[in-house]
Amino acid sequence: MKAVTPAMTAGLRSVDLIDGDLRLTLNNTIAAIEDGRVRIAAYLEPLGLDALILNRVEVVFEEVISNIVRHGFAKGADHTILVRVARRQDSLDFTFEDDGTPFNPLEAPKPEPLRSIETAQLGGLGISLVRKMSASVRYEPIARGEVRRDLGGRVFEPHNRLMLSIAAPV
């Protein structure tokens, strides 16, 4: 795959295949959701996966990236999100790293059960949905200074690492 420059798209900085794994470098913009989704779909297309699995991948990816973008950074700040997708024998493994505010989504309170349509709250269901659609979910905080990467002249120091697997006979 060819590297994509920031001028080419608002959400995607680069895309690479490294040792068979898809690696995306995303901007912290809502456009990253669609740009990343398209690249992941192209990466998975040769596998001929069931539509249900592909839907899970899209929903989980969208929920994780939208939560990072909407809640992980100060508005207007320029930040990075790294995504790795690895094909395993029985799963698709995702790793999300960002340099936003440290946040463990697994410690987020569970949403209140829906009691009536009149009292229903908008939002707040994404993390719960990701947990239900994933075979496993793990979070690792990253201490400042622990990991630093040069991303084409930009220093990236991630603070959050979320790893999840989606069951998929590949």
C-alpha atoms as a PDB file:
ATOM      1  CA  MET A   1       0.000   0.000   0.000  1.00  0.00           C
ATOM      2  CA  LYS A   2       1.142   3.499  -0.705  1.00  0.00           C
ATOM      3  CA  ALA A   3       1.661   6.036   2.088  1.00  0.00           C
ATOM      4  CA  VAL A   4      -0.959   8.786   2.124  1.00  0.00           C
ATOM      5  CA  THR A   5       0.023  12.364   2.906  1.00  0.00           C
ATOM      6  CA  PRO A   6      -2.098  14.690   5.113  1.00  0.00           C
ATOM      7  CA  ALA A   7      -2.935  16.789   2.080  1.00  0.00           C
ATOM      8  CA  MET A   8      -4.634  13.760   0.468  1.00  0.00           C
ATOM      9  CA  THR A   9      -7.254  13.274   3.170  1.00  0.00           C
ATOM     10  CA  ALA A  10      -8.443  14.915   6.385  1.00  0.00           C
ATOM     11  CA  GLY A  11      -8.496  11.799   8.546  1.00  0.00           C
ATOM     12  CA  LEU A  12      -5.692   9.588   7.305  1.00  0.00           C
ATOM     13  CA  ARG A  13      -1.988  10.464   7.504  1.00  0.00           C
ATOM     14  CA  SER A  14      -0.555   7.167   6.344  1.00  0.00           C
ATOM     15  CA  VAL A  15      -1.362   3.529   5.691  1.00  0.00           C
ATOM     16  CA  ASP A  16       1.171   0.711   5.593  1.00  0.00           C
ATOM     17  CA  LEU A  17       1.354  -3.066   5.516  1.00  0.00           C
ATOM     18  CA  ILE A  18       4.044  -4.278   7.908  1.00  0.00           C
ATOM     19  CA  ASP A  19       4.571  -8.025   8.318  1.00  0.00           C
ATOM     20  CA  GLY A  20       1.029  -8.579   7.024  1.00  0.00           C
ATOM     21  CA  ASP A  21      -0.551  -6.203   9.567  1.00  0.00           C
ATOM     22  CA  LEU A  22      -2.399  -3.069   8.498  1.00  0.00           C
ATOM     23  CA  ARG A  23      -1.047   0.069  10.184  1.00  0.00           C
ATOM     24  CA  LEU A  24      -3.001   3.319  10.034  1.00  0.00           C
ATOM     25  CA  THR A  25      -1.845   6.697  11.276  1.00  0.00           C
ATOM     26  CA  LEU A  26      -4.911   8.878  11.752  1.00  0.00           C
ATOM     27  CA  ASN A  27      -5.549  12.513  12.565  1.00  0.00           C
ATOM     28  CA  ASN A  28      -7.795  13.205  15.535  1.00  0.00           C
ATOM     29  CA  THR A  29     -10.714  14.197  13.336  1.00  0.00           C
ATOM     30  CA  ILE A  30     -14.117  12.672  12.700  1.00  0.00           C
ATOM     31  CA  ALA A  31     -12.954  12.165   9.090  1.00  0.00           C
ATOM     32  CA  ALA A  32     -10.575   9.520  10.477  1.00  0.00           C
ATOM     33  CA  ILE A  33     -13.560   7.225  11.031  1.00  0.00           C
ATOM     34  CA  GLU A  34     -14.497   6.975   7.364  1.00  0.00           C
ATOM     35  CA  ASP A  35     -10.918   7.123   6.065  1.00  0.00           C
ATOM     36  CA  GLY A  36      -9.869   4.314   8.405  1.00  0.00           C
ATOM     37  CA  ARG A  37     -13.012   2.267   7.746  1.00  0.00           C
ATOM     38  CA  VAL A  38     -12.363   2.318   4.000  1.00  0.00           C
ATOM     39  CA  ARG A  39      -8.750   1.151   4.448  1.00  0.00           C
ATOM     40  CA  ILE A  40      -9.728  -1.622   6.871  1.00  0.00           C
ATOM     41  CA  ALA A  41     -12.466  -2.837   4.498  1.00  0.00           C
ATOM     42  CA  ALA A  42      -9.947  -2.983   1.624  1.00  0.00           C
ATOM     43  CA  TYR A  43      -7.476  -4.885   3.839  1.00  0.00           C
ATOM     44  CA  LEU A  44     -10.132  -7.439   4.866  1.00  0.00           C
ATOM     45  CA  GLU A  45     -11.840  -7.799   1.461  1.00  0.00           C
ATOM     46  CA  PRO A  46      -9.647 -10.688   0.197  1.00  0.00           C
ATOM     47  CA  LEU A  47     -10.653 -12.746   3.251  1.00  0.00           C
ATOM     48  CA  GLY A  48     -14.306 -12.980   2.176  1.00  0.00           C
ATOM     49  CA  LEU A  49     -15.521 -12.538   5.750  1.00  0.00           C
ATOM     50  CA  ASP A  50     -19.154 -12.929   6.724  1.00  0.00           C
ATOM     51  CA  ALA A  51     -21.190  -9.691   6.633  1.00  0.00           C
ATOM     52  CA  LEU A  52     -21.877  -9.970  10.387  1.00  0.00           C
ATOM     53  CA  ILE A  53     -18.145  -9.980  11.177  1.00  0.00           C
ATOM     54  CA  LEU A  54     -17.527  -7.033   8.857  1.00  0.00           C
ATOM     55  CA  ASN A  55     -20.353  -5.138  10.554  1.00  0.00           C
ATOM     56  CA  ARG A  56     -18.778  -5.813  13.977  1.00  0.00           C
ATOM     57  CA  VAL A  57     -15.440  -4.526  12.707  1.00  0.00           C
ATOM     58  CA  GLU A  58     -17.026  -1.329  11.388  1.00  0.00           C
ATOM     59  CA  VAL A  59     -19.092  -0.655  14.518  1.00  0.00           C
ATOM     60  CA  VAL A  60     -16.207  -1.336  16.902  1.00  0.00           C
ATOM     61  CA  PHE A  61     -13.769   0.762  14.860  1.00  0.00           C
ATOM     62  CA  GLU A  62     -16.236   3.663  14.603  1.00  0.00           C
ATOM     63  CA  GLU A  63     -17.056   3.632  18.317  1.00  0.00           C
ATOM     64  CA  VAL A  64     -13.420   3.503  19.447  1.00  0.00           C
ATOM     65  CA  ILE A  65     -12.196   6.206  17.067  1.00  0.00           C
ATOM     66  CA  SER A  66     -15.172   8.511  17.694  1.00  0.00           C
ATOM     67  CA  ASN A  67     -14.670   8.220  21.471  1.00  0.00           C
ATOM     68  CA  ILE A  68     -10.962   8.995  21.146  1.00  0.00           C
ATOM     69  CA  VAL A  69     -11.605  11.979  18.866  1.00  0.00           C
ATOM     70  CA  ARG A  70     -14.556  13.399  20.825  1.00  0.00           C
ATOM     71  CA  HIS A  71     -13.297  12.864  24.363  1.00  0.00           C
ATOM     72  CA  GLY A  72      -9.523  12.355  24.268  1.00  0.00           C
ATOM     73  CA  PHE A  73      -8.233  15.718  23.106  1.00  0.00           C
ATOM     74  CA  ALA A  74      -8.701  19.443  23.559  1.00  0.00           C
ATOM     75  CA  LYS A  75     -10.783  20.895  20.714  1.00  0.00           C
ATOM     76  CA  GLY A  76      -8.674  21.964  17.761  1.00  0.00           C
ATOM     77  CA  ALA A  77      -5.496  20.304  19.059  1.00  0.00           C
ATOM     78  CA  ASP A  78      -3.416  18.326  16.554  1.00  0.00           C
ATOM     79  CA  HIS A  79      -2.975  14.740  17.758  1.00  0.00           C
ATOM     80  CA  THR A  80      -2.383  11.276  16.403  1.00  0.00           C
ATOM     81  CA  ILE A  81      -4.148   7.921  16.609  1.00  0.00           C
ATOM     82  CA  LEU A  82      -2.325   4.757  15.564  1.00  0.00           C
ATOM     83  CA  VAL A  83      -4.327   1.666  14.630  1.00  0.00           C
ATOM     84  CA  ARG A  84      -2.942  -1.798  13.939  1.00  0.00           C
ATOM     85  CA  VAL A  85      -5.118  -4.569  12.498  1.00  0.00           C
ATOM     86  CA  ALA A  86      -3.690  -8.082  12.566  1.00  0.00           C
ATOM     87  CA  ARG A  87      -5.251 -11.189  11.056  1.00  0.00           C
ATOM     88  CA  ARG A  88      -4.984 -14.236  13.294  1.00  0.00           C
ATOM     89  CA  GLN A  89      -6.287 -17.756  12.741  1.00  0.00           C
ATOM     90  CA  ASP A  90      -9.538 -17.197  14.657  1.00  0.00           C
ATOM     91  CA  SER A  91      -9.668 -13.435  15.168  1.00  0.00           C
ATOM     92  CA  LEU A  92      -8.953  -9.942  13.982  1.00  0.00           C
ATOM     93  CA  ASP A  93      -6.815  -8.155  16.554  1.00  0.00           C
ATOM     94  CA  PHE A  94      -6.911  -4.369  16.849  1.00  0.00           C
ATOM     95  CA  THR A  95      -4.549  -2.090  18.740  1.00  0.00           C
ATOM     96  CA  PHE A  96      -5.426   1.597  19.149  1.00  0.00           C
ATOM     97  CA  GLU A  97      -2.839   4.027  20.541  1.00  0.00           C
ATOM     98  CA  ASP A  98      -3.369   7.732  21.067  1.00  0.00           C
ATOM     99  CA  ASP A  99      -1.608  10.647  22.699  1.00  0.00           C
ATOM    100  CA  GLY A 100      -4.752  12.040  24.281  1.00  0.00           C
ATOM    101  CA  THR A 101      -5.854  12.297  27.885  1.00  0.00           C
ATOM    102  CA  PRO A 102      -5.262   8.979  29.692  1.00  0.00           C
ATOM    103  CA  PHE A 103      -8.581   7.143  29.972  1.00  0.00           C
ATOM    104  CA  ASN A 104      -9.362   3.519  30.699  1.00  0.00           C
ATOM    105  CA  PRO A 105     -12.660   2.767  28.945  1.00  0.00           C
ATOM    106  CA  LEU A 106     -13.028  -0.469  30.912  1.00  0.00           C
ATOM    107  CA  GLU A 107     -13.473   1.588  34.085  1.00  0.00           C
ATOM    108  CA  ALA A 108     -16.305   3.636  32.587  1.00  0.00           C
ATOM    109  CA  PRO A 109     -19.613   3.093  34.371  1.00  0.00           C
ATOM    110  CA  LYS A 110     -22.078   0.816  32.635  1.00  0.00           C
ATOM    111  CA  PRO A 111     -25.001   2.664  31.065  1.00  0.00           C
ATOM    112  CA  GLU A 112     -28.278   2.744  32.930  1.00  0.00           C
ATOM    113  CA  PRO A 113     -30.826   0.270  31.573  1.00  0.00           C
ATOM    114  CA  LEU A 114     -33.466   1.778  29.342  1.00  0.00           C
ATOM    115  CA  ARG A 115     -36.592   2.231  31.406  1.00  0.00           C
ATOM    116  CA  SER A 116     -38.691   4.205  28.942  1.00  0.00           C
ATOM    117  CA  ILE A 117     -38.285   6.076  25.699  1.00  0.00           C
ATOM    118  CA  GLU A 118     -39.169   9.320  27.487  1.00  0.00           C
ATOM    119  CA  THR A 119     -36.231   9.059  29.901  1.00  0.00           C
ATOM    120  CA  ALA A 120     -33.695   7.595  27.449  1.00  0.00           C
ATOM    121  CA  GLN A 121     -30.359   9.413  27.285  1.00  0.00           C
ATOM    122  CA  LEU A 122     -28.520   9.958  24.011  1.00  0.00           C
ATOM    123  CA  GLY A 123     -24.984   8.612  23.875  1.00  0.00           C
ATOM    124  CA  GLY A 124     -22.978   6.738  26.442  1.00  0.00           C
ATOM    125  CA  LEU A 125     -23.490   3.297  24.915  1.00  0.00           C
ATOM    126  CA  GLY A 126     -20.380   3.034  22.720  1.00  0.00           C
ATOM    127  CA  ILE A 127     -17.985   1.465  25.222  1.00  0.00           C
ATOM    128  CA  SER A 128     -20.594  -1.068  26.281  1.00  0.00           C
ATOM    129  CA  LEU A 129     -21.251  -1.906  22.632  1.00  0.00           C
ATOM    130  CA  VAL A 130     -17.533  -2.385  21.927  1.00  0.00           C
ATOM    131  CA  ARG A 131     -17.247  -4.757  24.880  1.00  0.00           C
ATOM    132  CA  LYS A 132     -20.263  -6.804  23.726  1.00  0.00           C
ATOM    133  CA  MET A 133     -19.064  -7.065  20.127  1.00  0.00           C
ATOM    134  CA  SER A 134     -15.468  -7.982  20.984  1.00  0.00           C
ATOM    135  CA  ALA A 135     -14.179 -11.377  22.090  1.00  0.00           C
ATOM    136  CA  SER A 136     -11.676  -9.617  24.376  1.00  0.00           C
ATOM    137  CA  VAL A 137     -10.812  -6.045  25.337  1.00  0.00           C
ATOM    138  CA  ARG A 138      -7.736  -4.878  27.242  1.00  0.00           C
ATOM    139  CA  TYR A 139      -6.447  -1.412  28.148  1.00  0.00           C
ATOM    140  CA  GLU A 140      -2.885  -0.403  29.010  1.00  0.00           C
ATOM    141  CA  PRO A 141      -1.977   3.070  30.201  1.00  0.00           C
ATOM    142  CA  ILE A 142       1.404   4.178  28.879  1.00  0.00           C
ATOM    143  CA  ALA A 143       3.627   6.207  31.189  1.00  0.00           C
ATOM    144  CA  ARG A 144       4.898   9.470  29.779  1.00  0.00           C
ATOM    145  CA  GLY A 145       8.279   9.026  28.159  1.00  0.00           C
ATOM    146  CA  GLU A 146       7.894   5.230  28.010  1.00  0.00           C
ATOM    147  CA  VAL A 147       7.365   5.058  24.249  1.00  0.00           C
ATOM    148  CA  ARG A 148       8.321   7.676  21.684  1.00  0.00           C
ATOM    149  CA  ARG A 149       8.058   7.230  17.956  1.00  0.00           C
ATOM    150  CA  ASP A 150       9.116   9.345  15.043  1.00  0.00           C
ATOM    151  CA  LEU A 151       6.232   9.488  12.587  1.00  0.00           C
ATOM    152  CA  GLY A 152       7.785  11.133   9.584  1.00  0.00           C
ATOM    153  CA  GLY A 153       9.356  13.979  11.522  1.00  0.00           C
ATOM    154  CA  ARG A 154       6.641  14.115  14.199  1.00  0.00           C
ATOM    155  CA  VAL A 155       7.285  12.771  17.665  1.00  0.00           C
ATOM    156  CA  PHE A 156       4.449  10.614  18.931  1.00  0.00           C
ATOM    157  CA  GLU A 157       4.224   9.730  22.608  1.00  0.00           C
ATOM    158  CA  PRO A 158       1.152   7.548  23.198  1.00  0.00           C
ATOM    159  CA  HIS A 159      -0.672   7.651  26.533  1.00  0.00           C
ATOM    160  CA  ASN A 160      -3.363   5.048  25.855  1.00  0.00           C
ATOM    161  CA  ARG A 161      -3.326   1.579  24.327  1.00  0.00           C
ATOM    162  CA  LEU A 162      -6.581  -0.313  23.772  1.00  0.00           C
ATOM    163  CA  MET A 163      -6.340  -3.854  22.429  1.00  0.00           C
ATOM    164  CA  LEU A 164      -9.310  -5.889  21.330  1.00  0.00           C
ATOM    165  CA  SER A 165     -10.124  -8.986  19.332  1.00  0.00           C
ATOM    166  CA  ILE A 166     -13.122  -9.746  17.200  1.00  0.00           C
ATOM    167  CA  ALA A 167     -13.827 -13.439  16.655  1.00  0.00           C
ATOM    168  CA  ALA A 168     -13.404 -14.165  12.962  1.00  0.00           C
ATOM    169  CA  PRO A 169     -12.400 -17.464  11.418  1.00  0.00           C
ATOM    170  CA  VAL A 170      -9.863 -16.160   8.919  1.00  0.00           C
END
